[in-house]
Amino acid sequence: MACSASKKSTTENTTTTAPVSKTAVGDWAVTVSDTPAGTVETNMVIEQMDNAYKGHINLGETKVVIDNLKVVDNKVSGSFYSADYGVDVYFTMQYDPANDTLSGYLMDSFKATGKRKM
């Protein structure tokens, strides 16, 4: 998992800050608005293994694997099974490298936003 903290180096009187990771890989605090259960806050983890992505989302105390997880041109998509509702939940989110955020929708209906966890 990529480190999300900035790295600083000092040369004489000059301090430079390396940019935070500019990929969707990492640990995210995700908020999904206006679902049947109200606003839902959860964590999502995206990892890259070789050329493939894997991840999970926390539903309560349960880690649920994200199926068909893809990250292409800053677009993140996948699905997971919600045992509470008995359905596969699919999502599509756009990664914004300038603001290091995610935004999109679950089931094309519920607004989802993500902020990288530090």
PDB file of N, CA and C in Angstrom:
ATOM      1  N   MET A   1       0.854  -1.164   0.000  1.00  0.00           N
ATOM      2  CA  MET A   1       0.000   0.000   0.000  1.00  0.00           C
ATOM      3  C   MET A   1       0.895   1.221   0.000  1.00  0.00           C
ATOM      4  N   ALA A   2       0.546   2.177  -0.794  1.00  0.00           N
ATOM      5  CA  ALA A   2       1.332   3.398  -0.927  1.00  0.00           C
ATOM      6  C   ALA A   2       1.212   4.248   0.324  1.00  0.00           C
ATOM      7  N   CYS A   3       2.309   4.852   0.684  1.00  0.00           N
ATOM      8  CA  CYS A   3       2.312   5.770   1.821  1.00  0.00           C
ATOM      9  C   CYS A   3       1.681   7.076   1.376  1.00  0.00           C
ATOM     10  N   SER A   4       0.823   7.622   2.189  1.00  0.00           N
ATOM     11  CA  SER A   4       0.133   8.839   1.789  1.00  0.00           C
ATOM     12  C   SER A   4       0.735  10.088   2.415  1.00  0.00           C
ATOM     13  N   ALA A   5       1.761   9.944   3.209  1.00  0.00           N
ATOM     14  CA  ALA A   5       2.358  11.111   3.850  1.00  0.00           C
ATOM     15  C   ALA A   5       3.359  11.765   2.912  1.00  0.00           C
ATOM     16  N   SER A   6       3.467  13.058   3.002  1.00  0.00           N
ATOM     17  CA  SER A   6       4.449  13.781   2.206  1.00  0.00           C
ATOM     18  C   SER A   6       5.830  13.535   2.774  1.00  0.00           C
ATOM     19  N   LYS A   7       6.826  13.514   1.897  1.00  0.00           N
ATOM     20  CA  LYS A   7       8.203  13.350   2.324  1.00  0.00           C
ATOM     21  C   LYS A   7       8.903  14.679   2.121  1.00  0.00           C
ATOM     22  N   LYS A   8       9.677  15.110   3.111  1.00  0.00           N
ATOM     23  CA  LYS A   8      10.388  16.378   3.005  1.00  0.00           C
ATOM     24  C   LYS A   8      11.886  16.116   3.001  1.00  0.00           C
ATOM     25  N   SER A   9      12.583  16.870   2.192  1.00  0.00           N
ATOM     26  CA  SER A   9      14.032  16.830   2.208  1.00  0.00           C
ATOM     27  C   SER A   9      14.528  18.266   2.294  1.00  0.00           C
ATOM     28  N   THR A  10      15.614  18.456   3.001  1.00  0.00           N
ATOM     29  CA  THR A  10      16.142  19.799   3.191  1.00  0.00           C
ATOM     30  C   THR A  10      17.558  19.865   2.635  1.00  0.00           C
ATOM     31  N   THR A  11      17.814  20.853   1.798  1.00  0.00           N
ATOM     32  CA  THR A  11      19.141  21.115   1.269  1.00  0.00           C
ATOM     33  C   THR A  11      19.455  22.566   1.578  1.00  0.00           C
ATOM     34  N   GLU A  12      20.410  22.772   2.473  1.00  0.00           N
ATOM     35  CA  GLU A  12      20.758  24.107   2.944  1.00  0.00           C
ATOM     36  C   GLU A  12      19.494  24.826   3.395  1.00  0.00           C
ATOM     37  N   ASN A  13      19.070  25.887   2.719  1.00  0.00           N
ATOM     38  CA  ASN A  13      17.903  26.651   3.128  1.00  0.00           C
ATOM     39  C   ASN A  13      16.655  26.319   2.319  1.00  0.00           C
ATOM     40  N   THR A  14      16.707  25.277   1.505  1.00  0.00           N
ATOM     41  CA  THR A  14      15.592  24.940   0.628  1.00  0.00           C
ATOM     42  C   THR A  14      14.908  23.670   1.119  1.00  0.00           C
ATOM     43  N   THR A  15      13.597  23.727   1.288  1.00  0.00           N
ATOM     44  CA  THR A  15      12.818  22.556   1.671  1.00  0.00           C
ATOM     45  C   THR A  15      11.863  22.233   0.535  1.00  0.00           C
ATOM     46  N   THR A  16      11.855  20.970   0.114  1.00  0.00           N
ATOM     47  CA  THR A  16      10.925  20.548  -0.932  1.00  0.00           C
ATOM     48  C   THR A  16      10.019  19.469  -0.369  1.00  0.00           C
ATOM     49  N   THR A  17       8.811  19.439  -0.871  1.00  0.00           N
ATOM     50  CA  THR A  17       7.849  18.440  -0.433  1.00  0.00           C
ATOM     51  C   THR A  17       7.472  17.580  -1.625  1.00  0.00           C
ATOM     52  N   ALA A  18       7.678  16.273  -1.491  1.00  0.00           N
ATOM     53  CA  ALA A  18       7.287  15.351  -2.558  1.00  0.00           C
ATOM     54  C   ALA A  18       5.773  15.220  -2.551  1.00  0.00           C
ATOM     55  N   PRO A  19       5.151  15.054  -3.712  1.00  0.00           N
ATOM     56  CA  PRO A  19       3.694  14.953  -3.761  1.00  0.00           C
ATOM     57  C   PRO A  19       3.187  13.685  -3.100  1.00  0.00           C
ATOM     58  N   VAL A  20       1.970  13.769  -2.603  1.00  0.00           N
ATOM     59  CA  VAL A  20       1.286  12.602  -2.060  1.00  0.00           C
ATOM     60  C   VAL A  20       1.025  11.658  -3.223  1.00  0.00           C
ATOM     61  N   SER A  21       0.848  10.374  -2.943  1.00  0.00           N
ATOM     62  CA  SER A  21       0.584   9.379  -3.977  1.00  0.00           C
ATOM     63  C   SER A  21      -0.479   9.875  -4.952  1.00  0.00           C
ATOM     64  N   LYS A  22      -0.230   9.720  -6.238  1.00  0.00           N
ATOM     65  CA  LYS A  22      -1.169  10.177  -7.258  1.00  0.00           C
ATOM     66  C   LYS A  22      -1.815   8.990  -7.957  1.00  0.00           C
ATOM     67  N   THR A  23      -2.184   7.990  -7.182  1.00  0.00           N
ATOM     68  CA  THR A  23      -2.940   6.854  -7.702  1.00  0.00           C
ATOM     69  C   THR A  23      -4.092   6.579  -6.748  1.00  0.00           C
ATOM     70  N   ALA A  24      -5.032   5.784  -7.197  1.00  0.00           N
ATOM     71  CA  ALA A  24      -6.172   5.425  -6.354  1.00  0.00           C
ATOM     72  C   ALA A  24      -5.821   4.331  -5.354  1.00  0.00           C
ATOM     73  N   VAL A  25      -4.620   3.771  -5.448  1.00  0.00           N
ATOM     74  CA  VAL A  25      -4.199   2.735  -4.512  1.00  0.00           C
ATOM     75  C   VAL A  25      -4.072   3.354  -3.127  1.00  0.00           C
ATOM     76  N   GLY A  26      -4.651   2.693  -2.127  1.00  0.00           N
ATOM     77  CA  GLY A  26      -4.542   3.194  -0.769  1.00  0.00           C
ATOM     78  C   GLY A  26      -5.750   2.870   0.080  1.00  0.00           C
ATOM     79  N   ASP A  27      -5.816   3.519   1.218  1.00  0.00           N
ATOM     80  CA  ASP A  27      -6.862   3.315   2.220  1.00  0.00           C
ATOM     81  C   ASP A  27      -7.761   4.551   2.204  1.00  0.00           C
ATOM     82  N   TRP A  28      -9.064   4.342   1.985  1.00  0.00           N
ATOM     83  CA  TRP A  28     -10.006   5.434   1.779  1.00  0.00           C
ATOM     84  C   TRP A  28     -11.133   5.434   2.800  1.00  0.00           C
ATOM     85  N   ALA A  29     -11.491   6.614   3.280  1.00  0.00           N
ATOM     86  CA  ALA A  29     -12.708   6.814   4.070  1.00  0.00           C
ATOM     87  C   ALA A  29     -13.787   7.201   3.064  1.00  0.00           C
ATOM     88  N   VAL A  30     -14.813   6.364   2.928  1.00  0.00           N
ATOM     89  CA  VAL A  30     -15.844   6.562   1.909  1.00  0.00           C
ATOM     90  C   VAL A  30     -17.174   6.886   2.580  1.00  0.00           C
ATOM     91  N   THR A  31     -17.878   7.875   2.037  1.00  0.00           N
ATOM     92  CA  THR A  31     -19.216   8.248   2.493  1.00  0.00           C
ATOM     93  C   THR A  31     -20.184   8.055   1.337  1.00  0.00           C
ATOM     94  N   VAL A  32     -21.267   7.317   1.598  1.00  0.00           N
ATOM     95  CA  VAL A  32     -22.309   7.091   0.599  1.00  0.00           C
ATOM     96  C   VAL A  32     -23.576   7.754   1.129  1.00  0.00           C
ATOM     97  N   SER A  33     -24.127   8.684   0.356  1.00  0.00           N
ATOM     98  CA  SER A  33     -25.253   9.501   0.810  1.00  0.00           C
ATOM     99  C   SER A  33     -26.599   8.964   0.349  1.00  0.00           C
ATOM    100  N   ASP A  34     -27.600   9.185   1.201  1.00  0.00           N
ATOM    101  CA  ASP A  34     -29.012   8.946   0.874  1.00  0.00           C
ATOM    102  C   ASP A  34     -29.335   7.516   0.461  1.00  0.00           C
ATOM    103  N   THR A  35     -28.721   6.530   1.130  1.00  0.00           N
ATOM    104  CA  THR A  35     -29.057   5.128   0.870  1.00  0.00           C
ATOM    105  C   THR A  35     -30.317   4.782   1.661  1.00  0.00           C
ATOM    106  N   PRO A  36     -30.926   3.623   1.427  1.00  0.00           N
ATOM    107  CA  PRO A  36     -32.072   3.215   2.254  1.00  0.00           C
ATOM    108  C   PRO A  36     -31.734   3.167   3.749  1.00  0.00           C
ATOM    109  N   ALA A  37     -30.441   2.973   4.072  1.00  0.00           N
ATOM    110  CA  ALA A  37     -30.002   2.953   5.470  1.00  0.00           C
ATOM    111  C   ALA A  37     -29.504   4.326   5.924  1.00  0.00           C
ATOM    112  N   GLY A  38     -29.727   5.367   5.121  1.00  0.00           N
ATOM    113  CA  GLY A  38     -29.232   6.700   5.446  1.00  0.00           C
ATOM    114  C   GLY A  38     -27.843   6.904   4.874  1.00  0.00           C
ATOM    115  N   THR A  39     -27.109   7.840   5.442  1.00  0.00           N
ATOM    116  CA  THR A  39     -25.734   8.070   5.008  1.00  0.00           C
ATOM    117  C   THR A  39     -24.844   7.022   5.654  1.00  0.00           C
ATOM    118  N   VAL A  40     -24.029   6.362   4.825  1.00  0.00           N
ATOM    119  CA  VAL A  40     -23.175   5.268   5.289  1.00  0.00           C
ATOM    120  C   VAL A  40     -21.721   5.697   5.165  1.00  0.00           C
ATOM    121  N   GLU A  41     -20.963   5.493   6.239  1.00  0.00           N
ATOM    122  CA  GLU A  41     -19.530   5.762   6.216  1.00  0.00           C
ATOM    123  C   GLU A  41     -18.798   4.445   6.398  1.00  0.00           C
ATOM    124  N   THR A  42     -17.794   4.208   5.555  1.00  0.00           N
ATOM    125  CA  THR A  42     -17.063   2.948   5.591  1.00  0.00           C
ATOM    126  C   THR A  42     -15.631   3.174   5.134  1.00  0.00           C
ATOM    127  N   ASN A  43     -14.848   2.126   5.151  1.00  0.00           N
ATOM    128  CA  ASN A  43     -13.473   2.174   4.665  1.00  0.00           C
ATOM    129  C   ASN A  43     -13.342   1.267   3.457  1.00  0.00           C
ATOM    130  N   MET A  44     -12.537   1.697   2.499  1.00  0.00           N
ATOM    131  CA  MET A  44     -12.246   0.895   1.319  1.00  0.00           C
ATOM    132  C   MET A  44     -10.736   0.878   1.130  1.00  0.00           C
ATOM    133  N   VAL A  45     -10.201  -0.300   0.832  1.00  0.00           N
ATOM    134  CA  VAL A  45      -8.772  -0.454   0.591  1.00  0.00           C
ATOM    135  C   VAL A  45      -8.580  -0.940  -0.838  1.00  0.00           C
ATOM    136  N   ILE A  46      -7.697  -0.267  -1.566  1.00  0.00           N
ATOM    137  CA  ILE A  46      -7.346  -0.660  -2.928  1.00  0.00           C
ATOM    138  C   ILE A  46      -5.851  -0.943  -2.949  1.00  0.00           C
ATOM    139  N   GLU A  47      -5.489  -2.139  -3.437  1.00  0.00           N
ATOM    140  CA  GLU A  47      -4.091  -2.540  -3.538  1.00  0.00           C
ATOM    141  C   GLU A  47      -3.783  -2.926  -4.977  1.00  0.00           C
ATOM    142  N   GLN A  48      -2.520  -2.738  -5.371  1.00  0.00           N
ATOM    143  CA  GLN A  48      -2.095  -3.179  -6.697  1.00  0.00           C
ATOM    144  C   GLN A  48      -1.081  -4.291  -6.527  1.00  0.00           C
ATOM    145  N   MET A  49      -1.343  -5.413  -7.175  1.00  0.00           N
ATOM    146  CA  MET A  49      -0.456  -6.565  -7.147  1.00  0.00           C
ATOM    147  C   MET A  49      -0.071  -6.850  -8.585  1.00  0.00           C
ATOM    148  N   ASP A  50       1.192  -6.607  -8.937  1.00  0.00           N
ATOM    149  CA  ASP A  50       1.650  -6.706 -10.324  1.00  0.00           C
ATOM    150  C   ASP A  50       0.789  -5.781 -11.178  1.00  0.00           C
ATOM    151  N   ASN A  51       0.082  -6.311 -12.154  1.00  0.00           N
ATOM    152  CA  ASN A  51      -0.757  -5.470 -13.013  1.00  0.00           C
ATOM    153  C   ASN A  51      -2.228  -5.579 -12.675  1.00  0.00           C
ATOM    154  N   ALA A  52      -2.556  -6.194 -11.548  1.00  0.00           N
ATOM    155  CA  ALA A  52      -3.956  -6.376 -11.160  1.00  0.00           C
ATOM    156  C   ALA A  52      -4.240  -5.608  -9.870  1.00  0.00           C
ATOM    157  N   TYR A  53      -5.514  -5.298  -9.670  1.00  0.00           N
ATOM    158  CA  TYR A  53      -5.940  -4.606  -8.457  1.00  0.00           C
ATOM    159  C   TYR A  53      -6.802  -5.540  -7.631  1.00  0.00           C
ATOM    160  N   LYS A  54      -6.688  -5.396  -6.321  1.00  0.00           N
ATOM    161  CA  LYS A  54      -7.581  -6.113  -5.418  1.00  0.00           C
ATOM    162  C   LYS A  54      -7.935  -5.154  -4.302  1.00  0.00           C
ATOM    163  N   GLY A  55      -9.032  -5.464  -3.621  1.00  0.00           N
ATOM    164  CA  GLY A  55      -9.428  -4.581  -2.544  1.00  0.00           C
ATOM    165  C   GLY A  55     -10.569  -5.148  -1.742  1.00  0.00           C
ATOM    166  N   HIS A  56     -10.919  -4.410  -0.705  1.00  0.00           N
ATOM    167  CA  HIS A  56     -12.059  -4.794   0.126  1.00  0.00           C
ATOM    168  C   HIS A  56     -12.707  -3.533   0.686  1.00  0.00           C
ATOM    169  N   ILE A  57     -13.931  -3.735   1.130  1.00  0.00           N
ATOM    170  CA  ILE A  57     -14.685  -2.673   1.780  1.00  0.00           C
ATOM    171  C   ILE A  57     -15.138  -3.231   3.118  1.00  0.00           C
ATOM    172  N   ASN A  58     -15.183  -2.394   4.130  1.00  0.00           N
ATOM    173  CA  ASN A  58     -15.636  -2.837   5.446  1.00  0.00           C
ATOM    174  C   ASN A  58     -17.125  -2.571   5.583  1.00  0.00           C
ATOM    175  N   LEU A  59     -17.883  -3.631   5.798  1.00  0.00           N
ATOM    176  CA  LEU A  59     -19.317  -3.512   6.070  1.00  0.00           C
ATOM    177  C   LEU A  59     -19.518  -3.956   7.508  1.00  0.00           C
ATOM    178  N   GLY A  60     -19.642  -2.992   8.394  1.00  0.00           N
ATOM    179  CA  GLY A  60     -19.680  -3.310   9.822  1.00  0.00           C
ATOM    180  C   GLY A  60     -18.318  -3.855  10.228  1.00  0.00           C
ATOM    181  N   GLU A  61     -18.323  -5.016  10.846  1.00  0.00           N
ATOM    182  CA  GLU A  61     -17.080  -5.660  11.275  1.00  0.00           C
ATOM    183  C   GLU A  61     -16.539  -6.619  10.219  1.00  0.00           C
ATOM    184  N   THR A  62     -17.193  -6.689   9.069  1.00  0.00           N
ATOM    185  CA  THR A  62     -16.847  -7.667   8.044  1.00  0.00           C
ATOM    186  C   THR A  62     -16.101  -7.019   6.885  1.00  0.00           C
ATOM    187  N   LYS A  63     -14.974  -7.642   6.494  1.00  0.00           N
ATOM    188  CA  LYS A  63     -14.261  -7.224   5.290  1.00  0.00           C
ATOM    189  C   LYS A  63     -14.868  -7.974   4.120  1.00  0.00           C
ATOM    190  N   VAL A  64     -15.359  -7.239   3.136  1.00  0.00           N
ATOM    191  CA  VAL A  64     -15.978  -7.843   1.961  1.00  0.00           C
ATOM    192  C   VAL A  64     -15.087  -7.564   0.752  1.00  0.00           C
ATOM    193  N   VAL A  65     -14.722  -8.626   0.041  1.00  0.00           N
ATOM    194  CA  VAL A  65     -13.857  -8.509  -1.127  1.00  0.00           C
ATOM    195  C   VAL A  65     -14.575  -7.750  -2.243  1.00  0.00           C
ATOM    196  N   ILE A  66     -13.858  -6.851  -2.888  1.00  0.00           N
ATOM    197  CA  ILE A  66     -14.381  -6.151  -4.061  1.00  0.00           C
ATOM    198  C   ILE A  66     -14.072  -7.015  -5.279  1.00  0.00           C
ATOM    199  N   ASP A  67     -15.115  -7.414  -6.003  1.00  0.00           N
ATOM    200  CA  ASP A  67     -14.963  -8.224  -7.206  1.00  0.00           C
ATOM    201  C   ASP A  67     -14.757  -7.321  -8.412  1.00  0.00           C
ATOM    202  N   ASN A  68     -14.058  -7.857  -9.412  1.00  0.00           N
ATOM    203  CA  ASN A  68     -13.863  -7.141 -10.684  1.00  0.00           C
ATOM    204  C   ASN A  68     -13.347  -5.718 -10.485  1.00  0.00           C
ATOM    205  N   LEU A  69     -12.454  -5.537  -9.516  1.00  0.00           N
ATOM    206  CA  LEU A  69     -11.911  -4.206  -9.238  1.00  0.00           C
ATOM    207  C   LEU A  69     -10.999  -3.775 -10.381  1.00  0.00           C
ATOM    208  N   LYS A  70     -11.297  -2.613 -10.939  1.00  0.00           N
ATOM    209  CA  LYS A  70     -10.508  -2.068 -12.045  1.00  0.00           C
ATOM    210  C   LYS A  70     -10.173  -0.615 -11.758  1.00  0.00           C
ATOM    211  N   VAL A  71      -8.968  -0.236 -12.133  1.00  0.00           N
ATOM    212  CA  VAL A  71      -8.544   1.161 -12.079  1.00  0.00           C
ATOM    213  C   VAL A  71      -7.962   1.466 -13.454  1.00  0.00           C
ATOM    214  N   VAL A  72      -8.696   2.234 -14.249  1.00  0.00           N
ATOM    215  CA  VAL A  72      -8.288   2.562 -15.613  1.00  0.00           C
ATOM    216  C   VAL A  72      -8.466   4.066 -15.815  1.00  0.00           C
ATOM    217  N   ASP A  73      -7.374   4.733 -16.166  1.00  0.00           N
ATOM    218  CA  ASP A  73      -7.422   6.182 -16.405  1.00  0.00           C
ATOM    219  C   ASP A  73      -8.121   6.930 -15.269  1.00  0.00           C
ATOM    220  N   ASN A  74      -7.753   6.610 -14.032  1.00  0.00           N
ATOM    221  CA  ASN A  74      -8.299   7.240 -12.824  1.00  0.00           C
ATOM    222  C   ASN A  74      -9.765   6.917 -12.567  1.00  0.00           C
ATOM    223  N   LYS A  75     -10.333   5.969 -13.288  1.00  0.00           N
ATOM    224  CA  LYS A  75     -11.697   5.511 -13.031  1.00  0.00           C
ATOM    225  C   LYS A  75     -11.602   4.200 -12.246  1.00  0.00           C
ATOM    226  N   VAL A  76     -12.258   4.162 -11.095  1.00  0.00           N
ATOM    227  CA  VAL A  76     -12.253   2.992 -10.217  1.00  0.00           C
ATOM    228  C   VAL A  76     -13.637   2.363 -10.272  1.00  0.00           C
ATOM    229  N   SER A  77     -13.694   1.059 -10.539  1.00  0.00           N
ATOM    230  CA  SER A  77     -14.992   0.386 -10.576  1.00  0.00           C
ATOM    231  C   SER A  77     -14.863  -1.021 -10.013  1.00  0.00           C
ATOM    232  N   GLY A  78     -15.974  -1.536  -9.537  1.00  0.00           N
ATOM    233  CA  GLY A  78     -16.012  -2.886  -8.991  1.00  0.00           C
ATOM    234  C   GLY A  78     -17.374  -3.164  -8.400  1.00  0.00           C
ATOM    235  N   SER A  79     -17.467  -4.300  -7.723  1.00  0.00           N
ATOM    236  CA  SER A  79     -18.724  -4.662  -7.069  1.00  0.00           C
ATOM    237  C   SER A  79     -18.425  -5.511  -5.842  1.00  0.00           C
ATOM    238  N   PHE A  80     -19.394  -5.572  -4.951  1.00  0.00           N
ATOM    239  CA  PHE A  80     -19.288  -6.413  -3.760  1.00  0.00           C
ATOM    240  C   PHE A  80     -20.692  -6.860  -3.382  1.00  0.00           C
ATOM    241  N   TYR A  81     -20.756  -7.953  -2.631  1.00  0.00           N
ATOM    242  CA  TYR A  81     -22.048  -8.497  -2.227  1.00  0.00           C
ATOM    243  C   TYR A  81     -22.440  -7.940  -0.864  1.00  0.00           C
ATOM    244  N   SER A  82     -23.649  -7.391  -0.773  1.00  0.00           N
ATOM    245  CA  SER A  82     -24.192  -6.916   0.500  1.00  0.00           C
ATOM    246  C   SER A  82     -25.142  -7.969   1.047  1.00  0.00           C
ATOM    247  N   ALA A  83     -24.703  -8.670   2.081  1.00  0.00           N
ATOM    248  CA  ALA A  83     -25.546  -9.698   2.695  1.00  0.00           C
ATOM    249  C   ALA A  83     -26.771  -9.073   3.358  1.00  0.00           C
ATOM    250  N   ASP A  84     -26.651  -7.835   3.851  1.00  0.00           N
ATOM    251  CA  ASP A  84     -27.783  -7.164   4.497  1.00  0.00           C
ATOM    252  C   ASP A  84     -28.955  -6.980   3.542  1.00  0.00           C
ATOM    253  N   TYR A  85     -28.652  -6.712   2.276  1.00  0.00           N
ATOM    254  CA  TYR A  85     -29.711  -6.461   1.292  1.00  0.00           C
ATOM    255  C   TYR A  85     -29.844  -7.579   0.263  1.00  0.00           C
ATOM    256  N   GLY A  86     -28.919  -8.552   0.297  1.00  0.00           N
ATOM    257  CA  GLY A  86     -28.983  -9.680  -0.620  1.00  0.00           C
ATOM    258  C   GLY A  86     -28.773  -9.294  -2.072  1.00  0.00           C
ATOM    259  N   VAL A  87     -27.922  -8.299  -2.316  1.00  0.00           N
ATOM    260  CA  VAL A  87     -27.674  -7.845  -3.688  1.00  0.00           C
ATOM    261  C   VAL A  87     -26.184  -7.599  -3.923  1.00  0.00           C
ATOM    262  N   ASP A  88     -25.798  -7.675  -5.187  1.00  0.00           N
ATOM    263  CA  ASP A  88     -24.472  -7.233  -5.584  1.00  0.00           C
ATOM    264  C   ASP A  88     -24.532  -5.724  -5.770  1.00  0.00           C
ATOM    265  N   VAL A  89     -23.640  -5.023  -5.126  1.00  0.00           N
ATOM    266  CA  VAL A  89     -23.581  -3.566  -5.201  1.00  0.00           C
ATOM    267  C   VAL A  89     -22.413  -3.196  -6.111  1.00  0.00           C
ATOM    268  N   TYR A  90     -22.689  -2.476  -7.169  1.00  0.00           N
ATOM    269  CA  TYR A  90     -21.619  -2.050  -8.065  1.00  0.00           C
ATOM    270  C   TYR A  90     -21.380  -0.550  -7.887  1.00  0.00           C
ATOM    271  N   PHE A  91     -20.165  -0.148  -8.189  1.00  0.00           N
ATOM    272  CA  PHE A  91     -19.818   1.265  -8.042  1.00  0.00           C
ATOM    273  C   PHE A  91     -18.852   1.692  -9.140  1.00  0.00           C
ATOM    274  N   THR A  92     -18.884   2.967  -9.424  1.00  0.00           N
ATOM    275  CA  THR A  92     -17.931   3.612 -10.321  1.00  0.00           C
ATOM    276  C   THR A  92     -17.569   4.945  -9.688  1.00  0.00           C
ATOM    277  N   MET A  93     -16.274   5.161  -9.515  1.00  0.00           N
ATOM    278  CA  MET A  93     -15.802   6.405  -8.915  1.00  0.00           C
ATOM    279  C   MET A  93     -14.632   6.943  -9.734  1.00  0.00           C
ATOM    280  N   GLN A  94     -14.506   8.241  -9.750  1.00  0.00           N
ATOM    281  CA  GLN A  94     -13.409   8.897 -10.453  1.00  0.00           C
ATOM    282  C   GLN A  94     -12.386   9.356  -9.423  1.00  0.00           C
ATOM    283  N   TYR A  95     -11.116   9.029  -9.656  1.00  0.00           N
ATOM    284  CA  TYR A  95     -10.048   9.506  -8.793  1.00  0.00           C
ATOM    285  C   TYR A  95      -9.570  10.859  -9.308  1.00  0.00           C
ATOM    286  N   ASP A  96      -9.518  11.843  -8.428  1.00  0.00           N
ATOM    287  CA  ASP A  96      -9.044  13.187  -8.759  1.00  0.00           C
ATOM    288  C   ASP A  96      -7.658  13.363  -8.143  1.00  0.00           C
ATOM    289  N   PRO A  97      -6.588  13.216  -8.946  1.00  0.00           N
ATOM    290  CA  PRO A  97      -5.243  13.316  -8.380  1.00  0.00           C
ATOM    291  C   PRO A  97      -4.909  14.697  -7.825  1.00  0.00           C
ATOM    292  N   ALA A  98      -5.493  15.750  -8.369  1.00  0.00           N
ATOM    293  CA  ALA A  98      -5.201  17.106  -7.887  1.00  0.00           C
ATOM    294  C   ALA A  98      -5.662  17.295  -6.448  1.00  0.00           C
ATOM    295  N   ASN A  99      -6.813  16.706  -6.096  1.00  0.00           N
ATOM    296  CA  ASN A  99      -7.360  16.841  -4.744  1.00  0.00           C
ATOM    297  C   ASN A  99      -7.219  15.569  -3.915  1.00  0.00           C
ATOM    298  N   ASP A 100      -6.699  14.489  -4.541  1.00  0.00           N
ATOM    299  CA  ASP A 100      -6.526  13.193  -3.881  1.00  0.00           C
ATOM    300  C   ASP A 100      -7.846  12.714  -3.273  1.00  0.00           C
ATOM    301  N   THR A 101      -8.903  12.726  -4.101  1.00  0.00           N
ATOM    302  CA  THR A 101     -10.235  12.314  -3.660  1.00  0.00           C
ATOM    303  C   THR A 101     -10.862  11.365  -4.679  1.00  0.00           C
ATOM    304  N   LEU A 102     -11.904  10.678  -4.242  1.00  0.00           N
ATOM    305  CA  LEU A 102     -12.734   9.838  -5.101  1.00  0.00           C
ATOM    306  C   LEU A 102     -14.145  10.408  -5.099  1.00  0.00           C
ATOM    307  N   SER A 103     -14.842  10.300  -6.228  1.00  0.00           N
ATOM    308  CA  SER A 103     -16.256  10.673  -6.256  1.00  0.00           C
ATOM    309  C   SER A 103     -16.952   9.871  -7.345  1.00  0.00           C
ATOM    310  N   GLY A 104     -18.204   9.511  -7.067  1.00  0.00           N
ATOM    311  CA  GLY A 104     -18.968   8.741  -8.035  1.00  0.00           C
ATOM    312  C   GLY A 104     -20.261   8.251  -7.433  1.00  0.00           C
ATOM    313  N   TYR A 105     -20.697   7.070  -7.890  1.00  0.00           N
ATOM    314  CA  TYR A 105     -21.993   6.546  -7.468  1.00  0.00           C
ATOM    315  C   TYR A 105     -21.940   5.047  -7.219  1.00  0.00           C
ATOM    316  N   LEU A 106     -22.774   4.601  -6.280  1.00  0.00           N
ATOM    317  CA  LEU A 106     -23.072   3.189  -6.092  1.00  0.00           C
ATOM    318  C   LEU A 106     -24.417   2.942  -6.740  1.00  0.00           C
ATOM    319  N   MET A 107     -24.512   1.874  -7.503  1.00  0.00           N
ATOM    320  CA  MET A 107     -25.766   1.471  -8.142  1.00  0.00           C
ATOM    321  C   MET A 107     -26.348   2.599  -9.002  1.00  0.00           C
ATOM    322  N   ASP A 108     -25.502   3.476  -9.520  1.00  0.00           N
ATOM    323  CA  ASP A 108     -25.923   4.622 -10.337  1.00  0.00           C
ATOM    324  C   ASP A 108     -26.913   5.537  -9.623  1.00  0.00           C
ATOM    325  N   SER A 109     -27.074   5.390  -8.309  1.00  0.00           N
ATOM    326  CA  SER A 109     -28.094   6.146  -7.581  1.00  0.00           C
ATOM    327  C   SER A 109     -27.585   6.888  -6.358  1.00  0.00           C
ATOM    328  N   PHE A 110     -26.613   6.325  -5.659  1.00  0.00           N
ATOM    329  CA  PHE A 110     -26.210   6.860  -4.363  1.00  0.00           C
ATOM    330  C   PHE A 110     -24.835   7.516  -4.476  1.00  0.00           C
ATOM    331  N   LYS A 111     -24.781   8.820  -4.201  1.00  0.00           N
ATOM    332  CA  LYS A 111     -23.546   9.595  -4.300  1.00  0.00           C
ATOM    333  C   LYS A 111     -22.514   9.060  -3.323  1.00  0.00           C
ATOM    334  N   ALA A 112     -21.299   8.831  -3.820  1.00  0.00           N
ATOM    335  CA  ALA A 112     -20.206   8.329  -2.989  1.00  0.00           C
ATOM    336  C   ALA A 112     -19.002   9.247  -3.135  1.00  0.00           C
ATOM    337  N   THR A 113     -18.363   9.552  -2.013  1.00  0.00           N
ATOM    338  CA  THR A 113     -17.141  10.351  -2.015  1.00  0.00           C
ATOM    339  C   THR A 113     -16.111   9.661  -1.139  1.00  0.00           C
ATOM    340  N   GLY A 114     -14.859   9.840  -1.471  1.00  0.00           N
ATOM    341  CA  GLY A 114     -13.792   9.223  -0.691  1.00  0.00           C
ATOM    342  C   GLY A 114     -12.661  10.192  -0.443  1.00  0.00           C
ATOM    343  N   LYS A 115     -12.124  10.112   0.772  1.00  0.00           N
ATOM    344  CA  LYS A 115     -10.949  10.888   1.150  1.00  0.00           C
ATOM    345  C   LYS A 115      -9.888   9.900   1.609  1.00  0.00           C
ATOM    346  N   ARG A 116      -8.664  10.111   1.151  1.00  0.00           N
ATOM    347  CA  ARG A 116      -7.574   9.212   1.540  1.00  0.00           C
ATOM    348  C   ARG A 116      -7.344   9.311   3.043  1.00  0.00           C
ATOM    349  N   LYS A 117      -7.209   8.152   3.680  1.00  0.00           N
ATOM    350  CA  LYS A 117      -6.914   8.126   5.113  1.00  0.00           C
ATOM    351  C   LYS A 117      -5.423   8.348   5.302  1.00  0.00           C
ATOM    352  N   MET A 118      -5.082   9.142   6.271  1.00  0.00           N
ATOM    353  CA  MET A 118      -3.674   9.459   6.530  1.00  0.00           C
ATOM    354  C   MET A 118      -3.080   8.486   7.504  1.00  0.00           C
TER     355      MET A 118
END
